[in-house]
N, C-alpha and C. Protein backbone atom coordinates (compact mmCIF):
# COMPACT_ATOMS: atom_id res chain seq x y z
N MET A 1 118.83 59.04 141.41
CA MET A 1 117.72 58.95 140.79
C MET A 1 117.82 57.34 140.28
N ASN A 2 116.58 56.66 140.88
CA ASN A 2 115.92 55.96 140.06
C ASN A 2 115.23 55.75 138.45
N THR A 3 116.32 54.97 137.94
CA THR A 3 114.73 54.85 136.59
C THR A 3 114.94 53.45 136.20
N TYR A 4 113.04 53.36 136.29
CA TYR A 4 112.69 52.30 135.95
C TYR A 4 111.55 52.22 134.72
N LYS A 5 111.47 51.08 133.79
CA LYS A 5 110.34 50.90 133.27
C LYS A 5 109.94 50.28 133.66
N VAL A 6 108.29 50.42 132.88
CA VAL A 6 106.99 50.30 133.14
C VAL A 6 106.38 49.65 131.93
N THR A 7 105.70 48.23 132.39
CA THR A 7 104.16 48.29 130.97
C THR A 7 102.80 48.75 131.34
N LEU A 8 102.52 48.70 130.66
CA LEU A 8 100.29 48.97 130.53
C LEU A 8 100.50 48.52 130.87
N LEU A 9 99.84 48.49 132.22
CA LEU A 9 98.19 47.26 132.44
C LEU A 9 97.43 47.83 131.53
N ASP A 10 97.04 48.79 131.90
CA ASP A 10 95.16 49.67 131.44
C ASP A 10 95.78 50.95 131.49
N LYS A 11 94.59 51.15 130.61
CA LYS A 11 94.10 52.84 130.21
C LYS A 11 92.77 52.86 129.84
N LYS A 12 92.38 53.94 130.64
CA LYS A 12 90.95 54.28 131.00
C LYS A 12 90.54 55.22 130.99
N THR A 13 89.77 55.93 129.62
CA THR A 13 89.09 57.44 130.01
C THR A 13 88.31 57.33 130.90
N ILE A 14 88.23 58.26 132.02
CA ILE A 14 87.65 58.85 133.02
C ILE A 14 87.17 59.38 132.92
N ALA A 15 87.46 60.59 131.42
CA ALA A 15 86.79 61.86 131.54
C ALA A 15 86.42 62.07 130.02
N LYS A 16 86.47 63.76 130.37
CA LYS A 16 87.24 63.86 128.33
C LYS A 16 88.54 64.04 128.25
N ASP A 17 88.63 64.68 129.42
CA ASP A 17 90.11 65.27 129.27
C ASP A 17 90.82 64.72 130.24
N THR A 18 90.71 63.35 130.82
CA THR A 18 91.37 62.97 131.74
C THR A 18 91.53 61.15 131.35
N LEU A 19 93.00 60.43 131.94
CA LEU A 19 92.37 59.59 131.66
C LEU A 19 93.17 58.26 133.24
N GLU A 20 93.39 57.57 133.35
CA GLU A 20 93.53 56.34 134.23
C GLU A 20 94.17 56.17 134.15
N LEU A 21 95.83 55.51 134.01
CA LEU A 21 96.78 54.31 133.59
C LEU A 21 97.27 53.56 134.68
N ARG A 22 96.70 52.69 134.14
CA ARG A 22 97.63 51.91 135.65
C ARG A 22 98.87 50.73 134.89
N PHE A 23 100.31 50.74 135.54
CA PHE A 23 101.39 49.83 135.11
C PHE A 23 101.55 48.80 135.82
N VAL A 24 102.77 47.35 135.77
CA VAL A 24 103.20 47.30 136.50
C VAL A 24 104.51 47.70 137.47
N LYS A 25 103.77 47.61 138.83
CA LYS A 25 105.26 47.81 139.76
C LYS A 25 106.53 47.52 139.61
N PRO A 26 107.01 48.24 139.46
CA PRO A 26 108.49 47.31 139.45
C PRO A 26 108.88 46.34 140.13
N ASP A 27 109.88 45.25 139.91
CA ASP A 27 110.22 44.72 141.38
C ASP A 27 111.18 45.72 142.65
N GLY A 28 111.18 45.73 143.20
CA GLY A 28 111.99 46.47 144.29
C GLY A 28 111.05 47.93 144.60
N PHE A 29 110.29 48.84 143.44
CA PHE A 29 109.51 50.33 144.12
C PHE A 29 109.05 50.30 144.94
N VAL A 30 109.56 51.38 145.99
CA VAL A 30 108.72 51.26 147.20
C VAL A 30 108.40 52.55 147.11
N PHE A 31 107.04 53.48 147.70
CA PHE A 31 106.65 54.56 147.74
C PHE A 31 105.80 54.58 149.48
N SER A 32 105.50 56.10 149.30
CA SER A 32 104.41 56.14 150.44
C SER A 32 103.40 56.75 149.98
N ALA A 33 102.39 56.80 150.31
CA ALA A 33 101.04 57.59 150.59
C ALA A 33 101.25 59.15 149.69
N GLY A 34 100.92 59.40 148.67
CA GLY A 34 101.54 60.81 148.16
C GLY A 34 102.51 61.27 148.27
N GLN A 35 103.60 60.14 147.76
CA GLN A 35 104.82 60.29 146.66
C GLN A 35 104.55 60.17 144.89
N PHE A 36 105.01 60.80 144.23
CA PHE A 36 105.28 61.09 143.22
C PHE A 36 106.35 60.74 142.81
N VAL A 37 105.94 60.57 141.20
CA VAL A 37 107.01 59.85 139.67
C VAL A 37 107.23 61.11 138.87
N GLN A 38 108.71 60.76 138.15
CA GLN A 38 108.50 62.14 137.11
C GLN A 38 108.38 61.03 135.83
N PHE A 39 107.72 61.47 134.34
CA PHE A 39 108.07 60.43 133.78
C PHE A 39 109.06 60.65 132.92
N ARG A 40 109.49 59.86 131.73
CA ARG A 40 110.48 60.90 131.23
C ARG A 40 109.05 60.51 129.65
N ILE A 41 108.79 61.90 129.06
CA ILE A 41 108.09 61.53 127.77
C ILE A 41 108.68 62.14 126.97
N PRO A 42 108.61 60.51 125.46
CA PRO A 42 109.81 61.59 124.10
C PRO A 42 109.47 62.75 123.77
N GLN A 43 109.89 62.77 123.40
CA GLN A 43 110.02 64.70 121.83
C GLN A 43 110.91 64.40 121.17
N ALA A 44 110.46 65.00 120.37
CA ALA A 44 112.02 64.89 119.27
C ALA A 44 112.42 65.33 119.55
N ILE A 45 113.48 66.38 120.22
CA ILE A 45 114.45 66.68 120.58
C ILE A 45 115.31 66.26 122.08
N THR A 46 114.36 65.82 123.47
CA THR A 46 114.79 65.86 124.30
C THR A 46 113.54 65.58 124.51
N PRO A 47 113.56 64.76 125.73
CA PRO A 47 112.94 64.03 126.09
C PRO A 47 112.53 65.23 127.44
N ALA A 48 111.11 65.06 127.91
CA ALA A 48 110.46 66.23 128.73
C ALA A 48 110.04 65.22 129.97
N LEU A 49 109.99 65.74 131.16
CA LEU A 49 110.11 65.55 132.38
C LEU A 49 108.51 65.83 132.48
N ARG A 50 108.10 65.16 133.47
CA ARG A 50 105.80 64.84 134.06
C ARG A 50 106.44 64.61 135.26
N ALA A 51 105.52 65.42 136.33
CA ALA A 51 105.50 64.94 137.30
C ALA A 51 103.98 64.49 137.59
N TYR A 52 104.09 62.70 137.99
CA TYR A 52 102.46 62.65 138.25
C TYR A 52 102.87 61.65 139.84
N SER A 53 101.61 62.62 140.34
CA SER A 53 101.09 61.99 141.66
C SER A 53 100.68 60.13 141.91
N ILE A 54 101.34 59.32 142.47
CA ILE A 54 101.00 57.67 142.40
C ILE A 54 99.35 57.91 142.99
N CYS A 55 98.57 56.54 142.40
CA CYS A 55 97.24 57.63 143.20
C CYS A 55 97.08 55.78 144.05
N SER A 56 97.64 54.85 143.32
CA SER A 56 97.85 53.76 144.00
C SER A 56 98.49 53.81 145.38
N ILE A 57 97.49 52.42 145.87
CA ILE A 57 98.23 52.68 147.60
C ILE A 57 99.44 52.04 147.37
N PRO A 58 100.42 51.63 149.05
CA PRO A 58 101.98 51.23 148.45
C PRO A 58 101.83 49.04 148.70
N GLU A 59 100.66 49.51 149.34
CA GLU A 59 100.64 46.93 149.03
C GLU A 59 99.73 47.01 147.53
N ASP A 60 99.50 48.07 147.09
CA ASP A 60 99.14 47.44 145.56
C ASP A 60 100.33 46.92 144.42
N ASP A 61 100.18 46.05 143.87
CA ASP A 61 100.89 45.18 142.56
C ASP A 61 100.99 45.78 141.33
N TYR A 62 100.58 47.23 141.52
CA TYR A 62 100.84 48.62 140.14
C TYR A 62 100.72 49.60 140.61
N LEU A 63 101.35 50.19 139.71
CA LEU A 63 101.17 51.58 140.21
C LEU A 63 99.73 52.49 139.00
N GLU A 64 99.36 53.17 139.80
CA GLU A 64 97.74 53.48 139.36
C GLU A 64 98.33 55.54 139.13
N PHE A 65 97.51 55.93 137.84
CA PHE A 65 98.01 57.55 138.01
C PHE A 65 96.36 57.92 136.99
N CYS A 66 96.27 58.97 138.04
CA CYS A 66 94.92 60.09 136.32
C CYS A 66 95.50 61.66 136.43
N ILE A 67 95.85 61.17 135.01
CA ILE A 67 96.45 62.03 133.97
C ILE A 67 95.92 63.40 133.33
N LYS A 68 95.83 64.24 133.43
CA LYS A 68 94.52 64.98 133.13
C LYS A 68 95.61 65.80 131.72
N LEU A 69 94.96 65.51 130.32
CA LEU A 69 95.33 66.11 129.14
C LEU A 69 95.32 67.65 129.27
N LEU A 70 96.46 68.38 129.17
CA LEU A 70 96.25 69.29 128.33
C LEU A 70 96.89 69.64 126.96
N PRO A 71 95.92 70.77 126.00
CA PRO A 71 97.04 70.80 125.01
C PRO A 71 97.81 71.22 123.92
N ASP A 72 97.77 70.52 122.82
CA ASP A 72 100.08 70.32 122.74
C ASP A 72 100.30 69.72 124.31
C-alpha cells in the first residue's frame, strides 16, 4: 500500500452535511475512474481509516472528494 501526503486546495460546503474537498494530486499518483482511497484521520489514541471514492477524473491535476459529515 502506498502512502501519500496531500495538500488541500479548496474546501466547499455543498450541503448542510456535505463537503467537497480538492487536493493537489501527488506526483506519480495514478487511479482509475471509480477507485477509492483511504484517509488516515488523526485521533486521540490511534488514527482511524476512512474510505472515500475519488470524484475527479484521472486526467485532472487534482483529487476531489465529496464527503458526507456524520455526527461525532
